[in-house]
Amino acid sequence: MPRYYFHIYSGEEEYLDRKGEPHDDDARAIAMAHRIVSEIAEEPEHREIEVRVVGRKGRAVATVNTNGLK
């Protein structure tokens, strides 16, 4: 199962995912990014959230933010 990394950006803060987690495919990893954004955006200090989903060898999969998928 491929490993995906979920890098989180909020304002000028940056949280790089160094462990990652396995998902069946890109679609499931993107769904996880949407869940991450939804959960974090509930906190008042983190209204503007962006999660960059990165696959194996640094392959950009998607960017999800509070406005949806980019």
N, C-alpha and C. Protein backbone atom coordinates (compact mmCIF):
# COMPACT_ATOMS: atom_id res chain seq x y z
N MET A 1 0.84 -1.17 0.00
CA MET A 1 0.00 0.00 0.00
C MET A 1 0.89 1.24 0.00
N PRO A 2 0.62 2.19 -0.88
CA PRO A 2 1.46 3.39 -0.94
C PRO A 2 1.33 4.26 0.31
N ARG A 3 2.41 4.96 0.63
CA ARG A 3 2.45 5.86 1.78
C ARG A 3 2.27 7.29 1.29
N TYR A 4 1.44 8.04 2.02
CA TYR A 4 1.16 9.43 1.69
C TYR A 4 1.53 10.30 2.88
N TYR A 5 1.94 11.52 2.57
CA TYR A 5 2.34 12.49 3.59
C TYR A 5 1.40 13.68 3.51
N PHE A 6 1.01 14.20 4.67
CA PHE A 6 0.03 15.28 4.75
C PHE A 6 0.69 16.48 5.43
N HIS A 7 1.20 17.40 4.62
CA HIS A 7 1.86 18.59 5.13
C HIS A 7 0.79 19.66 5.37
N ILE A 8 0.79 20.23 6.57
CA ILE A 8 -0.24 21.17 6.97
C ILE A 8 0.34 22.58 7.06
N TYR A 9 -0.39 23.53 6.48
CA TYR A 9 0.01 24.93 6.50
C TYR A 9 -1.14 25.76 7.05
N SER A 10 -0.83 26.62 8.01
CA SER A 10 -1.82 27.50 8.62
C SER A 10 -1.16 28.85 8.84
N GLY A 11 -1.55 29.82 8.04
CA GLY A 11 -0.90 31.12 8.12
C GLY A 11 0.58 30.96 7.81
N GLU A 12 1.42 31.36 8.74
CA GLU A 12 2.86 31.22 8.54
C GLU A 12 3.41 29.96 9.21
N GLU A 13 2.53 29.16 9.81
CA GLU A 13 2.97 27.92 10.46
C GLU A 13 2.98 26.78 9.45
N GLU A 14 3.92 25.90 9.62
CA GLU A 14 4.11 24.77 8.71
C GLU A 14 4.39 23.52 9.53
N TYR A 15 3.61 22.47 9.29
CA TYR A 15 3.80 21.20 9.98
C TYR A 15 4.04 20.12 8.93
N LEU A 16 5.28 19.70 8.81
CA LEU A 16 5.62 18.70 7.80
C LEU A 16 5.44 17.30 8.38
N ASP A 17 4.74 16.48 7.64
CA ASP A 17 4.47 15.09 8.02
C ASP A 17 5.68 14.26 7.62
N ARG A 18 6.40 13.77 8.57
CA ARG A 18 7.60 12.98 8.28
C ARG A 18 7.35 11.47 8.32
N LYS A 19 6.23 11.06 8.92
CA LYS A 19 5.90 9.63 9.02
C LYS A 19 5.03 9.15 7.87
N GLY A 20 4.02 9.96 7.54
CA GLY A 20 3.08 9.54 6.52
C GLY A 20 2.21 8.40 7.01
N GLU A 21 1.31 7.98 6.14
CA GLU A 21 0.46 6.84 6.46
C GLU A 21 0.01 6.16 5.18
N PRO A 22 -0.22 4.86 5.25
CA PRO A 22 -0.61 4.13 4.04
C PRO A 22 -2.09 4.34 3.69
N HIS A 23 -2.35 4.45 2.39
CA HIS A 23 -3.72 4.52 1.87
C HIS A 23 -3.75 3.72 0.58
N ASP A 24 -4.92 3.23 0.25
CA ASP A 24 -5.06 2.38 -0.95
C ASP A 24 -4.70 3.10 -2.24
N ASP A 25 -5.07 4.38 -2.34
CA ASP A 25 -4.84 5.11 -3.58
C ASP A 25 -4.94 6.61 -3.34
N ASP A 26 -4.75 7.39 -4.40
CA ASP A 26 -4.80 8.85 -4.29
C ASP A 26 -6.15 9.34 -3.76
N ALA A 27 -7.23 8.74 -4.24
CA ALA A 27 -8.57 9.20 -3.84
C ALA A 27 -8.76 9.07 -2.33
N ARG A 28 -8.29 7.99 -1.75
CA ARG A 28 -8.44 7.81 -0.29
C ARG A 28 -7.54 8.78 0.47
N ALA A 29 -6.37 9.05 -0.05
CA ALA A 29 -5.48 10.01 0.59
C ALA A 29 -6.08 11.41 0.53
N ILE A 30 -6.69 11.75 -0.58
CA ILE A 30 -7.34 13.06 -0.71
C ILE A 30 -8.52 13.16 0.25
N ALA A 31 -9.28 12.10 0.39
CA ALA A 31 -10.39 12.09 1.35
C ALA A 31 -9.87 12.32 2.77
N MET A 32 -8.74 11.74 3.10
CA MET A 32 -8.13 11.95 4.41
C MET A 32 -7.74 13.42 4.58
N ALA A 33 -7.20 14.03 3.54
CA ALA A 33 -6.83 15.44 3.60
C ALA A 33 -8.05 16.32 3.87
N HIS A 34 -9.17 15.98 3.25
CA HIS A 34 -10.41 16.72 3.51
C HIS A 34 -10.82 16.60 4.98
N ARG A 35 -10.70 15.40 5.55
CA ARG A 35 -11.03 15.20 6.96
C ARG A 35 -10.11 16.02 7.86
N ILE A 36 -8.82 16.03 7.53
CA ILE A 36 -7.85 16.80 8.32
C ILE A 36 -8.21 18.28 8.30
N VAL A 37 -8.49 18.81 7.11
CA VAL A 37 -8.85 20.23 6.99
C VAL A 37 -10.11 20.52 7.79
N SER A 38 -11.12 19.67 7.67
CA SER A 38 -12.38 19.89 8.39
C SER A 38 -12.18 19.93 9.89
N GLU A 39 -11.39 19.00 10.41
CA GLU A 39 -11.17 18.94 11.85
C GLU A 39 -10.37 20.14 12.35
N ILE A 40 -9.31 20.49 11.67
CA ILE A 40 -8.47 21.60 12.13
C ILE A 40 -9.20 22.93 11.97
N ALA A 41 -9.97 23.10 10.91
CA ALA A 41 -10.65 24.36 10.65
C ALA A 41 -11.71 24.67 11.70
N GLU A 42 -12.12 23.70 12.48
CA GLU A 42 -13.08 23.94 13.56
C GLU A 42 -12.47 24.79 14.67
N GLU A 43 -11.15 24.78 14.78
CA GLU A 43 -10.47 25.57 15.81
C GLU A 43 -10.39 27.02 15.33
N PRO A 44 -10.83 27.98 16.16
CA PRO A 44 -10.89 29.38 15.73
C PRO A 44 -9.55 29.95 15.24
N GLU A 45 -8.45 29.52 15.80
CA GLU A 45 -7.16 30.08 15.40
C GLU A 45 -6.64 29.47 14.10
N HIS A 46 -7.33 28.50 13.55
CA HIS A 46 -6.88 27.83 12.32
C HIS A 46 -7.97 27.82 11.26
N ARG A 47 -8.52 28.94 10.94
CA ARG A 47 -9.59 29.02 9.93
C ARG A 47 -9.06 28.82 8.51
N GLU A 48 -7.85 29.25 8.24
CA GLU A 48 -7.26 29.11 6.91
C GLU A 48 -6.24 27.97 6.96
N ILE A 49 -6.64 26.83 6.49
CA ILE A 49 -5.80 25.62 6.54
C ILE A 49 -5.56 25.13 5.12
N GLU A 50 -4.37 24.62 4.89
CA GLU A 50 -4.06 23.98 3.61
C GLU A 50 -3.31 22.70 3.92
N VAL A 51 -3.72 21.62 3.30
CA VAL A 51 -3.04 20.33 3.44
C VAL A 51 -2.54 19.93 2.06
N ARG A 52 -1.25 19.72 1.95
CA ARG A 52 -0.65 19.25 0.70
C ARG A 52 -0.40 17.76 0.84
N VAL A 53 -0.98 17.01 -0.06
CA VAL A 53 -0.83 15.56 -0.05
C VAL A 53 0.31 15.20 -0.99
N VAL A 54 1.28 14.47 -0.46
CA VAL A 54 2.46 14.10 -1.23
C VAL A 54 2.59 12.59 -1.20
N GLY A 55 2.85 12.03 -2.36
CA GLY A 55 3.02 10.58 -2.45
C GLY A 55 4.49 10.20 -2.46
N ARG A 56 4.73 8.99 -2.88
CA ARG A 56 6.08 8.44 -2.92
C ARG A 56 6.99 9.28 -3.80
N LYS A 57 8.21 9.42 -3.37
CA LYS A 57 9.25 10.17 -4.07
C LYS A 57 8.88 11.64 -4.26
N GLY A 58 8.07 12.20 -3.34
CA GLY A 58 7.74 13.61 -3.39
C GLY A 58 6.72 14.01 -4.44
N ARG A 59 6.02 13.03 -5.00
CA ARG A 59 5.02 13.32 -6.03
C ARG A 59 3.83 14.07 -5.42
N ALA A 60 3.55 15.28 -5.93
CA ALA A 60 2.41 16.06 -5.46
C ALA A 60 1.13 15.38 -5.93
N VAL A 61 0.23 15.12 -4.99
CA VAL A 61 -1.03 14.45 -5.31
C VAL A 61 -2.16 15.47 -5.37
N ALA A 62 -2.27 16.32 -4.34
CA ALA A 62 -3.34 17.31 -4.28
C ALA A 62 -3.05 18.32 -3.18
N THR A 63 -3.75 19.43 -3.27
CA THR A 63 -3.74 20.42 -2.20
C THR A 63 -5.19 20.66 -1.83
N VAL A 64 -5.50 20.52 -0.56
CA VAL A 64 -6.85 20.72 -0.06
C VAL A 64 -6.79 21.85 0.96
N ASN A 65 -7.71 22.80 0.83
CA ASN A 65 -7.76 23.89 1.81
C ASN A 65 -9.20 24.10 2.25
N THR A 66 -9.43 25.14 3.04
CA THR A 66 -10.78 25.37 3.55
C THR A 66 -11.78 25.68 2.45
N ASN A 67 -11.31 25.96 1.25
CA ASN A 67 -12.20 26.20 0.11
C ASN A 67 -12.41 24.95 -0.74
N GLY A 68 -11.81 23.83 -0.36
CA GLY A 68 -11.95 22.60 -1.11
C GLY A 68 -10.66 22.17 -1.76
N LEU A 69 -10.76 21.46 -2.85
CA LEU A 69 -9.61 20.90 -3.55
C LEU A 69 -9.08 21.89 -4.56
N LYS A 70 -7.72 22.04 -4.58
CA LYS A 70 -7.07 22.89 -5.58
C LYS A 70 -6.42 22.01 -6.62
